[in-house]
C-alpha atoms as a PDB file:
ATOM      1  CA  MET A   1      10.774  19.421  10.456  1.00  0.00           C
ATOM      2  CA  LEU A   2      10.009  21.327   7.242  1.00  0.00           C
ATOM      3  CA  HIS A   3      13.215  23.301   7.750  1.00  0.00           C
ATOM      4  CA  LEU A   4      15.157  20.024   7.861  1.00  0.00           C
ATOM      5  CA  ARG A   5      13.464  18.676   4.732  1.00  0.00           C
ATOM      6  CA  SER A   6      14.976  21.387   2.558  1.00  0.00           C
ATOM      7  CA  TYR A   7      18.465  20.130   3.450  1.00  0.00           C
ATOM      8  CA  VAL A   8      17.865  16.398   3.033  1.00  0.00           C
ATOM      9  CA  LEU A   9      18.372  16.153  -0.740  1.00  0.00           C
ATOM     10  CA  PRO A  10      21.565  18.266  -1.015  1.00  0.00           C
ATOM     11  CA  THR A  11      22.989  16.475   2.041  1.00  0.00           C
ATOM     12  CA  ALA A  12      22.182  13.069   0.514  1.00  0.00           C
ATOM     13  CA  ILE A  13      23.852  14.081  -2.758  1.00  0.00           C
ATOM     14  CA  VAL A  14      27.007  15.385  -1.053  1.00  0.00           C
ATOM     15  CA  LEU A  15      27.330  12.346   1.220  1.00  0.00           C
ATOM     16  CA  GLY A  16      26.492  10.068  -1.715  1.00  0.00           C
ATOM     17  CA  ILE A  17      29.397  11.553  -3.708  1.00  0.00           C
ATOM     18  CA  PHE A  18      31.924  11.210  -0.888  1.00  0.00           C
ATOM     19  CA  PHE A  19      30.745   7.837   0.421  1.00  0.00           C
ATOM     20  CA  HIS A  20      29.344   6.251  -2.770  1.00  0.00           C
ATOM     21  CA  SER A  21      31.328   3.018  -2.407  1.00  0.00           C
ATOM     22  CA  TRP A  22      30.110   2.687   1.182  1.00  0.00           C
ATOM     23  CA  CYS A  23      26.498   3.293   0.109  1.00  0.00           C
ATOM     24  CA  GLY A  24      26.764   0.493  -2.437  1.00  0.00           C
ATOM     25  CA  LYS A  25      27.620  -1.971   0.342  1.00  0.00           C
ATOM     26  CA  PHE A  26      24.442  -1.039   2.230  1.00  0.00           C
ATOM     27  CA  ALA A  27      22.095  -1.236  -0.766  1.00  0.00           C
ATOM     28  CA  TRP A  28      20.567  -4.425   0.703  1.00  0.00           C
ATOM     29  CA  ILE A  29      18.939  -2.393   3.489  1.00  0.00           C
ATOM     30  CA  ALA A  30      16.792  -0.275   1.120  1.00  0.00           C
ATOM     31  CA  PRO A  31      13.810  -2.674   0.788  1.00  0.00           C
ATOM     32  CA  TYR A  32      13.559  -3.052   4.582  1.00  0.00           C
ATOM     33  CA  LEU A  33      13.587   0.730   5.046  1.00  0.00           C
ATOM     34  CA  ILE A  34      10.899   1.150   2.368  1.00  0.00           C
ATOM     35  CA  PHE A  35       8.719  -1.456   4.103  1.00  0.00           C
ATOM     36  CA  ILE A  36       8.985   0.311   7.480  1.00  0.00           C
ATOM     37  CA  ILE A  37       8.393   3.762   5.942  1.00  0.00           C
ATOM     38  CA  LEU A  38       5.211   2.616   4.198  1.00  0.00           C
ATOM     39  CA  LEU A  39       3.973   0.754   7.278  1.00  0.00           C
ATOM     40  CA  LEU A  40       4.428   3.792   9.534  1.00  0.00           C
ATOM     41  CA  ASN A  41       2.526   5.939   7.026  1.00  0.00           C
ATOM     42  CA  PHE A  42      -0.314   3.427   6.579  1.00  0.00           C
ATOM     43  CA  VAL A  43      -0.955   2.783  10.283  1.00  0.00           C
ATOM     44  CA  ALA A  44      -1.373   6.543  10.796  1.00  0.00           C
ATOM     45  CA  VAL A  45      -4.604   6.655   8.741  1.00  0.00           C
ATOM     46  CA  ASN A  46      -7.873   4.752   9.041  1.00  0.00           C
ATOM     47  CA  ILE A  47      -7.575   2.579   5.932  1.00  0.00           C
ATOM     48  CA  GLN A  48     -11.114   1.216   6.204  1.00  0.00           C
ATOM     49  CA  LYS A  49     -12.611   4.713   5.900  1.00  0.00           C
ATOM     50  CA  LEU A  50     -10.643   5.793   2.826  1.00  0.00           C
ATOM     51  CA  ARG A  51     -12.573   6.322  -0.414  1.00  0.00           C
ATOM     52  CA  PHE A  52     -11.095   6.373  -3.910  1.00  0.00           C
ATOM     53  CA  ASN A  53     -12.376   8.889  -6.456  1.00  0.00           C
ATOM     54  CA  THR A  54     -12.341   8.893 -10.264  1.00  0.00           C
ATOM     55  CA  MET A  55      -9.145  10.961 -10.376  1.00  0.00           C
ATOM     56  CA  ASN A  56      -7.275   8.124  -8.656  1.00  0.00           C
ATOM     57  CA  TYR A  57      -8.187   5.725 -11.460  1.00  0.00           C
ATOM     58  CA  TRP A  58      -7.124   8.179 -14.188  1.00  0.00           C
ATOM     59  CA  LEU A  59      -3.747   8.582 -12.466  1.00  0.00           C
ATOM     60  CA  ILE A  60      -3.331   4.799 -12.308  1.00  0.00           C
ATOM     61  CA  LEU A  61      -4.192   4.425 -16.000  1.00  0.00           C
ATOM     62  CA  PHE A  62      -1.695   7.152 -16.904  1.00  0.00           C
ATOM     63  CA  GLN A  63       1.135   5.458 -15.023  1.00  0.00           C
ATOM     64  CA  ILE A  64       0.389   1.987 -16.413  1.00  0.00           C
ATOM     65  CA  ILE A  65      -0.165   2.966 -20.061  1.00  0.00           C
ATOM     66  CA  CYS A  66       2.306   5.832 -20.456  1.00  0.00           C
ATOM     67  CA  SER A  67       5.178   4.008 -18.717  1.00  0.00           C
ATOM     68  CA  ILE A  68       5.118   1.069 -21.137  1.00  0.00           C
ATOM     69  CA  GLY A  69       4.114   3.326 -24.057  1.00  0.00           C
ATOM     70  CA  GLY A  70       7.004   5.673 -23.329  1.00  0.00           C
ATOM     71  CA  TYR A  71       9.414   2.733 -23.117  1.00  0.00           C
ATOM     72  CA  TYR A  72       8.542   1.382 -26.556  1.00  0.00           C
ATOM     73  CA  THR A  73       8.348   4.853 -28.126  1.00  0.00           C
ATOM     74  CA  ILE A  74      11.849   5.816 -26.966  1.00  0.00           C
ATOM     75  CA  LYS A  75      13.224   2.397 -27.855  1.00  0.00           C
ATOM     76  CA  GLN A  76      11.710   2.622 -31.345  1.00  0.00           C
ATOM     77  CA  PHE A  77      13.019   6.102 -32.209  1.00  0.00           C
ATOM     78  CA  SER A  78      16.267   6.409 -30.213  1.00  0.00           C
ATOM     79  CA  HIS A  79      17.260   2.724 -29.950  1.00  0.00           C
ATOM     80  CA  ASP A  80      18.606   3.547 -26.474  1.00  0.00           C
ATOM     81  CA  GLU A  81      17.494   0.747 -24.153  1.00  0.00           C
ATOM     82  CA  THR A  82      18.825   2.467 -21.016  1.00  0.00           C
ATOM     83  CA  LEU A  83      16.989   5.724 -21.748  1.00  0.00           C
ATOM     84  CA  ALA A  84      13.815   3.745 -22.504  1.00  0.00           C
ATOM     85  CA  GLN A  85      14.117   1.923 -19.173  1.00  0.00           C
ATOM     86  CA  GLY A  86      14.652   5.256 -17.408  1.00  0.00           C
ATOM     87  CA  ILE A  87      11.399   6.576 -18.923  1.00  0.00           C
ATOM     88  CA  LEU A  88       9.604   3.374 -17.894  1.00  0.00           C
ATOM     89  CA  ILE A  89      10.647   3.445 -14.248  1.00  0.00           C
ATOM     90  CA  GLY A  90      10.338   7.239 -14.073  1.00  0.00           C
ATOM     91  CA  ILE A  91       6.645   7.179 -15.004  1.00  0.00           C
ATOM     92  CA  LEU A  92       5.789   3.929 -13.205  1.00  0.00           C
ATOM     93  CA  CYS A  93       7.604   4.912  -9.976  1.00  0.00           C
ATOM     94  CA  PRO A  94       5.023   5.081  -7.143  1.00  0.00           C
ATOM     95  CA  VAL A  95       3.945   8.255  -5.417  1.00  0.00           C
ATOM     96  CA  ALA A  96       6.122   9.356  -2.503  1.00  0.00           C
ATOM     97  CA  SER A  97       4.976   8.352   0.975  1.00  0.00           C
ATOM     98  CA  SER A  98       5.719  11.932   2.073  1.00  0.00           C
ATOM     99  CA  VAL A  99       3.315  13.384  -0.505  1.00  0.00           C
ATOM    100  CA  VAL A 100       0.562  13.844   2.098  1.00  0.00           C
ATOM    101  CA  VAL A 101       2.719  16.250   4.118  1.00  0.00           C
ATOM    102  CA  VAL A 102       3.693  18.475   1.185  1.00  0.00           C
ATOM    103  CA  ALA A 103       0.301  18.318  -0.582  1.00  0.00           C
ATOM    104  CA  CYS A 104      -1.647  19.219   2.570  1.00  0.00           C
ATOM    105  CA  MET A 105       0.698  22.130   3.313  1.00  0.00           C
ATOM    106  CA  LEU A 106      -0.178  23.411  -0.160  1.00  0.00           C
ATOM    107  CA  GLY A 107      -3.911  23.012   0.538  1.00  0.00           C
ATOM    108  CA  ALA A 108      -4.748  19.587  -0.938  1.00  0.00           C
ATOM    109  CA  ASN A 109      -7.387  17.240   0.475  1.00  0.00           C
ATOM    110  CA  ARG A 110      -5.796  14.792   2.947  1.00  0.00           C
ATOM    111  CA  GLU A 111      -8.164  11.890   2.182  1.00  0.00           C
ATOM    112  CA  THR A 112      -7.549  12.141  -1.570  1.00  0.00           C
ATOM    113  CA  THR A 113      -3.763  12.152  -1.247  1.00  0.00           C
ATOM    114  CA  THR A 114      -3.695   9.387   1.368  1.00  0.00           C
ATOM    115  CA  ALA A 115      -5.984   7.146  -0.686  1.00  0.00           C
ATOM    116  CA  TYR A 116      -3.797   7.374  -3.772  1.00  0.00           C
ATOM    117  CA  THR A 117      -0.624   6.866  -1.736  1.00  0.00           C
ATOM    118  CA  ILE A 118      -2.028   3.435  -0.882  1.00  0.00           C
ATOM    119  CA  VAL A 119      -3.647   2.441  -4.175  1.00  0.00           C
ATOM    120  CA  GLY A 120      -0.713   3.819  -6.218  1.00  0.00           C
ATOM    121  CA  ASN A 121       1.815   1.717  -4.311  1.00  0.00           C
ATOM    122  CA  LEU A 122      -0.369  -1.397  -4.566  1.00  0.00           C
ATOM    123  CA  MET A 123      -0.666  -0.865  -8.319  1.00  0.00           C
ATOM    124  CA  VAL A 124       3.119  -0.731  -8.748  1.00  0.00           C
ATOM    125  CA  ALA A 125       3.527  -3.860  -6.598  1.00  0.00           C
ATOM    126  CA  PHE A 126       1.627  -5.879  -9.219  1.00  0.00           C
ATOM    127  CA  VAL A 127       2.363  -4.009 -12.471  1.00  0.00           C
ATOM    128  CA  ALA A 128       6.156  -3.693 -12.017  1.00  0.00           C
ATOM    129  CA  PRO A 129       6.771  -7.486 -11.862  1.00  0.00           C
ATOM    130  CA  PHE A 130       4.717  -7.873 -15.043  1.00  0.00           C
ATOM    131  CA  TYR A 131       6.795  -5.271 -16.928  1.00  0.00           C
ATOM    132  CA  PHE A 132      10.136  -6.382 -15.484  1.00  0.00           C
ATOM    133  CA  SER A 133       9.438  -9.970 -16.554  1.00  0.00           C
ATOM    134  CA  PHE A 134      10.067  -9.015 -20.211  1.00  0.00           C
ATOM    135  CA  ILE A 135      12.120  -5.832 -19.711  1.00  0.00           C
ATOM    136  CA  GLY A 136      15.359  -5.864 -17.747  1.00  0.00           C
ATOM    137  CA  ILE A 137      17.747  -8.472 -16.421  1.00  0.00           C
ATOM    138  CA  HIS A 138      15.438 -11.504 -16.104  1.00  0.00           C
ATOM    139  CA  GLN A 139      14.650 -11.992 -19.786  1.00  0.00           C
ATOM    140  CA  GLU A 140      16.472 -15.335 -19.863  1.00  0.00           C
ATOM    141  CA  LEU A 141      13.676 -16.798 -17.714  1.00  0.00           C
ATOM    142  CA  SER A 142      10.234 -17.705 -18.976  1.00  0.00           C
ATOM    143  CA  PHE A 143       7.535 -15.055 -18.515  1.00  0.00           C
ATOM    144  CA  GLY A 144       5.874 -16.995 -15.687  1.00  0.00           C
ATOM    145  CA  GLN A 145       9.133 -17.670 -13.831  1.00  0.00           C
ATOM    146  CA  SER A 146      10.308 -14.081 -14.165  1.00  0.00           C
ATOM    147  CA  PHE A 147       6.958 -12.602 -13.127  1.00  0.00           C
ATOM    148  CA  LEU A 148       6.680 -14.781 -10.014  1.00  0.00           C
ATOM    149  CA  LEU A 149      10.313 -14.187  -9.047  1.00  0.00           C
ATOM    150  CA  ILE A 150       9.980 -10.392  -9.194  1.00  0.00           C
ATOM    151  CA  LEU A 151       6.499 -10.397  -7.635  1.00  0.00           C
ATOM    152  CA  GLU A 152       7.890 -12.447  -4.747  1.00  0.00           C
ATOM    153  CA  LYS A 153      10.560  -9.801  -4.103  1.00  0.00           C
ATOM    154  CA  ILE A 154       8.602  -6.597  -4.731  1.00  0.00           C
ATOM    155  CA  SER A 155       5.196  -7.389  -3.188  1.00  0.00           C
ATOM    156  CA  PRO A 156       6.476  -7.880   0.387  1.00  0.00           C
ATOM    157  CA  VAL A 157       8.178  -4.487   0.176  1.00  0.00           C
ATOM    158  CA  ILE A 158       5.320  -2.451  -1.329  1.00  0.00           C
ATOM    159  CA  ALA A 159       2.058  -4.366  -0.837  1.00  0.00           C
ATOM    160  CA  LEU A 160       2.627  -6.168   2.469  1.00  0.00           C
ATOM    161  CA  PRO A 161       2.789  -2.960   4.592  1.00  0.00           C
ATOM    162  CA  PHE A 162      -0.770  -2.151   3.495  1.00  0.00           C
ATOM    163  CA  PHE A 163      -2.148  -5.557   4.518  1.00  0.00           C
ATOM    164  CA  VAL A 164      -0.195  -5.519   7.792  1.00  0.00           C
ATOM    165  CA  ALA A 165      -1.594  -2.070   8.651  1.00  0.00           C
ATOM    166  CA  LEU A 166      -5.107  -3.205   7.705  1.00  0.00           C
ATOM    167  CA  ALA A 167      -4.811  -6.294   9.932  1.00  0.00           C
ATOM    168  CA  LEU A 168      -3.435  -4.264  12.849  1.00  0.00           C
ATOM    169  CA  GLN A 169      -6.270  -1.720  12.637  1.00  0.00           C
ATOM    170  CA  LYS A 170      -8.880  -4.450  12.506  1.00  0.00           C
ATOM    171  CA  PHE A 171      -7.529  -6.981  15.012  1.00  0.00           C
ATOM    172  CA  ILE A 172      -4.829  -5.296  17.150  1.00  0.00           C
ATOM    173  CA  PRO A 173      -5.745  -1.579  17.352  1.00  0.00           C
ATOM    174  CA  ILE A 174      -3.613  -1.101  20.491  1.00  0.00           C
ATOM    175  CA  LEU A 175      -0.454  -2.089  18.601  1.00  0.00           C
ATOM    176  CA  ASN A 176      -1.517   0.040  15.646  1.00  0.00           C
ATOM    177  CA  ASN A 177      -1.922   3.086  17.929  1.00  0.00           C
ATOM    178  CA  SER A 178       1.492   2.410  19.449  1.00  0.00           C
ATOM    179  CA  LEU A 179       3.121   2.385  16.022  1.00  0.00           C
ATOM    180  CA  CYS A 180       1.365   5.668  15.177  1.00  0.00           C
ATOM    181  CA  ARG A 181       3.454   7.394  17.818  1.00  0.00           C
ATOM    182  CA  TYR A 182       6.575   6.652  15.766  1.00  0.00           C
ATOM    183  CA  LYS A 183       5.296   7.855  12.385  1.00  0.00           C
ATOM    184  CA  GLY A 184       7.698  10.810  12.615  1.00  0.00           C
ATOM    185  CA  LEU A 185      10.590   8.341  12.268  1.00  0.00           C
ATOM    186  CA  SER A 186       9.561   7.711   8.651  1.00  0.00           C
ATOM    187  CA  PHE A 187      11.144  11.041   7.670  1.00  0.00           C
ATOM    188  CA  TYR A 188      14.571  10.073   9.045  1.00  0.00           C
ATOM    189  CA  LEU A 189      14.319   6.566   7.565  1.00  0.00           C
ATOM    190  CA  TRP A 190      13.417   8.098   4.193  1.00  0.00           C
ATOM    191  CA  ALA A 191      16.433  10.437   4.438  1.00  0.00           C
ATOM    192  CA  PHE A 192      18.779   7.507   5.081  1.00  0.00           C
ATOM    193  CA  CYS A 193      17.154   5.420   2.340  1.00  0.00           C
ATOM    194  CA  LEU A 194      17.588   8.318  -0.087  1.00  0.00           C
ATOM    195  CA  LEU A 195      21.254   8.579   0.877  1.00  0.00           C
ATOM    196  CA  VAL A 196      21.850   4.851   0.284  1.00  0.00           C
ATOM    197  CA  THR A 197      20.013   4.650  -3.046  1.00  0.00           C
ATOM    198  CA  LEU A 198      21.438   7.908  -4.413  1.00  0.00           C
ATOM    199  CA  GLY A 199      24.903   6.841  -3.264  1.00  0.00           C
ATOM    200  CA  GLN A 200      24.462   3.508  -5.032  1.00  0.00           C
ATOM    201  CA  THR A 201      23.540   5.300  -8.259  1.00  0.00           C
ATOM    202  CA  ILE A 202      26.472   7.725  -7.923  1.00  0.00           C
ATOM    203  CA  ASP A 203      28.788   4.754  -7.316  1.00  0.00           C
ATOM    204  CA  PHE A 204      27.542   3.114 -10.512  1.00  0.00           C
ATOM    205  CA  ILE A 205      28.186   6.360 -12.445  1.00  0.00           C
ATOM    206  CA  PHE A 206      31.740   6.541 -11.072  1.00  0.00           C
ATOM    207  CA  VAL A 207      32.443   2.920 -12.033  1.00  0.00           C
ATOM    208  CA  HIS A 208      30.549   2.663 -15.351  1.00  0.00           C
ATOM    209  CA  GLY A 209      29.911   6.285 -16.332  1.00  0.00           C
ATOM    210  CA  LYS A 210      32.928   6.620 -18.597  1.00  0.00           C
ATOM    211  CA  GLY A 211      31.756   6.165 -22.146  1.00  0.00           C
ATOM    212  CA  ASN A 212      28.093   6.651 -21.112  1.00  0.00           C
ATOM    213  CA  GLU A 213      28.174  10.448 -20.834  1.00  0.00           C
ATOM    214  CA  LYS A 214      25.670  10.891 -23.674  1.00  0.00           C
ATOM    215  CA  THR A 215      23.177   8.507 -22.033  1.00  0.00           C
ATOM    216  CA  ILE A 216      23.562  10.208 -18.640  1.00  0.00           C
ATOM    217  CA  ILE A 217      22.903  13.649 -20.168  1.00  0.00           C
ATOM    218  CA  SER A 218      19.892  12.241 -22.055  1.00  0.00           C
ATOM    219  CA  LEU A 219      18.521  10.775 -18.817  1.00  0.00           C
ATOM    220  CA  GLY A 220      18.902  14.140 -17.084  1.00  0.00           C
ATOM    221  CA  ILE A 221      17.084  16.032 -19.841  1.00  0.00           C
ATOM    222  CA  ALA A 222      14.366  13.364 -20.085  1.00  0.00           C
ATOM    223  CA  SER A 223      13.798  13.414 -16.316  1.00  0.00           C
ATOM    224  CA  ALA A 224      13.334  17.211 -16.311  1.00  0.00           C
ATOM    225  CA  THR A 225      10.851  16.900 -19.180  1.00  0.00           C
ATOM    226  CA  ILE A 226       8.854  14.082 -17.573  1.00  0.00           C
ATOM    227  CA  CYS A 227       8.838  15.860 -14.201  1.00  0.00           C
ATOM    228  CA  THR A 228       7.374  18.972 -15.849  1.00  0.00           C
ATOM    229  CA  ILE A 229       4.737  16.909 -17.674  1.00  0.00           C
ATOM    230  CA  HIS A 230       3.799  15.049 -14.484  1.00  0.00           C
ATOM    231  CA  PHE A 231       3.155  18.165 -12.411  1.00  0.00           C
ATOM    232  CA  ALA A 232       1.433  20.079 -15.227  1.00  0.00           C
ATOM    233  CA  LEU A 233      -0.819  17.193 -16.303  1.00  0.00           C
ATOM    234  CA  GLY A 234      -1.560  16.258 -12.692  1.00  0.00           C
ATOM    235  CA  LYS A 235      -2.627  19.804 -11.859  1.00  0.00           C
ATOM    236  CA  TRP A 236      -4.827  19.925 -14.960  1.00  0.00           C
ATOM    237  CA  LEU A 237      -6.476  16.602 -14.084  1.00  0.00           C
ATOM    238  CA  GLY A 238      -6.832  17.577 -10.428  1.00  0.00           C
ATOM    239  CA  GLY A 239      -8.536  20.797 -11.494  1.00  0.00           C
ATOM    240  CA  LYS A 240     -11.199  18.708 -13.251  1.00  0.00           C
ATOM    241  CA  TYR A 241     -12.019  17.046  -9.916  1.00  0.00           C
ATOM    242  CA  GLY A 242     -11.766  20.065  -7.640  1.00  0.00           C
ATOM    243  CA  ASP A 243      -8.292  19.444  -6.195  1.00  0.00           C
ATOM    244  CA  ARG A 244      -5.615  20.864  -8.479  1.00  0.00           C
ATOM    245  CA  ILE A 245      -2.863  20.635  -5.864  1.00  0.00           C
ATOM    246  CA  ALA A 246      -3.543  16.958  -5.064  1.00  0.00           C
ATOM    247  CA  GLY A 247      -3.500  16.005  -8.743  1.00  0.00           C
ATOM    248  CA  GLY A 248      -0.154  17.684  -9.338  1.00  0.00           C
ATOM    249  CA  GLN A 249       1.529  16.211  -6.271  1.00  0.00           C
ATOM    250  CA  LEU A 250       0.141  12.689  -6.719  1.00  0.00           C
ATOM    251  CA  LEU A 251       1.416  12.433 -10.283  1.00  0.00           C
ATOM    252  CA  GLY A 252       4.562  14.526  -9.892  1.00  0.00           C
ATOM    253  CA  GLN A 253       5.975  13.667  -6.467  1.00  0.00           C
ATOM    254  CA  LYS A 254       7.696  10.291  -6.755  1.00  0.00           C
ATOM    255  CA  ASN A 255       9.200   7.866  -4.252  1.00  0.00           C
ATOM    256  CA  THR A 256      12.577   8.148  -5.978  1.00  0.00           C
ATOM    257  CA  ALA A 257      14.334   6.024  -3.339  1.00  0.00           C
ATOM    258  CA  MET A 258      12.031   3.105  -4.183  1.00  0.00           C
ATOM    259  CA  GLY A 259      12.329   3.746  -7.924  1.00  0.00           C
ATOM    260  CA  ILE A 260      16.134   3.796  -7.777  1.00  0.00           C
ATOM    261  CA  TRP A 261      16.099   0.536  -5.810  1.00  0.00           C
ATOM    262  CA  MET A 262      13.849  -1.147  -8.411  1.00  0.00           C
ATOM    263  CA  ALA A 263      15.964   0.131 -11.319  1.00  0.00           C
ATOM    264  CA  ASN A 264      19.202  -1.004  -9.687  1.00  0.00           C
ATOM    265  CA  THR A 265      17.707  -4.413  -8.923  1.00  0.00           C
ATOM    266  CA  TYR A 266      15.690  -5.309 -12.034  1.00  0.00           C
ATOM    267  CA  LEU A 267      16.819  -2.993 -14.859  1.00  0.00           C
ATOM    268  CA  ASN A 268      20.078  -1.593 -16.174  1.00  0.00           C
ATOM    269  CA  PRO A 269      21.410   0.216 -13.061  1.00  0.00           C
ATOM    270  CA  LEU A 270      22.334   3.199 -15.244  1.00  0.00           C
ATOM    271  CA  ALA A 271      18.581   3.771 -15.769  1.00  0.00           C
ATOM    272  CA  SER A 272      18.355   4.763 -12.091  1.00  0.00           C
ATOM    273  CA  VAL A 273      20.174   7.993 -13.014  1.00  0.00           C
ATOM    274  CA  PHE A 274      16.814   9.160 -14.421  1.00  0.00           C
ATOM    275  CA  LEU A 275      15.276   9.075 -10.931  1.00  0.00           C
ATOM    276  CA  ALA A 276      18.379  10.549  -9.300  1.00  0.00           C
ATOM    277  CA  PHE A 277      17.918  13.600 -11.530  1.00  0.00           C
ATOM    278  CA  TYR A 278      14.139  13.485 -11.064  1.00  0.00           C
ATOM    279  CA  SER A 279      14.625  13.695  -7.308  1.00  0.00           C
ATOM    280  CA  ILE A 280      16.491  16.969  -7.783  1.00  0.00           C
ATOM    281  CA  TRP A 281      13.878  18.508 -10.104  1.00  0.00           C
ATOM    282  CA  GLN A 282      10.871  17.547  -7.948  1.00  0.00           C
ATOM    283  CA  ASN A 283      12.476  18.824  -4.763  1.00  0.00           C
ATOM    284  CA  LEU A 284      13.399  22.127  -6.402  1.00  0.00           C
ATOM    285  CA  PHE A 285       9.833  22.534  -7.666  1.00  0.00           C
ATOM    286  CA  ASN A 286       8.296  21.564  -4.317  1.00  0.00           C
ATOM    287  CA  SER A 287      10.560  24.025  -2.521  1.00  0.00           C
ATOM    288  CA  TRP A 288       9.439  26.768  -4.907  1.00  0.00           C
ATOM    289  CA  GLN A 289       5.768  25.815  -4.425  1.00  0.00           C
ATOM    290  CA  LEU A 290       6.044  25.921  -0.634  1.00  0.00           C
ATOM    291  CA  TRP A 291       7.882  29.265  -0.753  1.00  0.00           C
ATOM    292  CA  ASN A 292       5.321  30.718  -3.165  1.00  0.00           C
ATOM    293  CA  HIS A 293       2.393  29.378  -1.108  1.00  0.00           C
ATOM    294  CA  GLU A 294       3.816  30.840   2.113  1.00  0.00           C
ATOM    295  CA  LYS A 295       4.429  34.159   0.368  1.00  0.00           C
ATOM    296  CA  LYS A 296       0.820  34.337  -0.807  1.00  0.00           C
END
């Protein structure tokens, strides 16, 4: 399985380039795939026994404050709305559902990473609609209308899997155990979701990229910078709480498929290029970490 993971990103990029127009037609399937992926990951752990530590709350505060702070800072000094939106979604983007696999292979605590996978996704489910209500494509609506509209669309995708898994574990444990047998499918679903969302972004670049070369380059540079900050700051914070690896992975490893879907749906679709680049940087760094860890 790990051997296959190293080929998923380059394969998704290649197929996304050749079949980008096809991927755009299947963009509607992304939220359903994300729901199933999260559900399969949540049913595999005993949610009622998870405990959240202080590091989890610092990571949440960082994502909430720095995402909106970064947006207004970039907008103020560069006057580039698309780049500012890329920074916003890049920092706010929830932790990857596959983070537990990579983090634990590197020696992180499973309970810590699993707990933040849940609480981090729930946080985004409620914070993203709030931010998107006054940033993005729904600004013509009142704050209340926009917030409720986006919350109605995002919450079922991100938050509902948690409550479904919790209900299954409490009331229908037999069904929960049955679903656990298929948790391995989440990897293949994630691979397909990544292909669709990356392909959608590549399609947008092909159609609207001409004349936006400067913005695309800026998004690529910004994503590399933010990715570096995420992993470095996360490792530093994790070191303060006795789990350096968990801190780095929880802040640095993003669910880029979900982030690209949110950017394409609620922001300027060109902002999703930030996460397309981010996906490349984080996978390169994770590959190096795994190689270095195995070597040691």
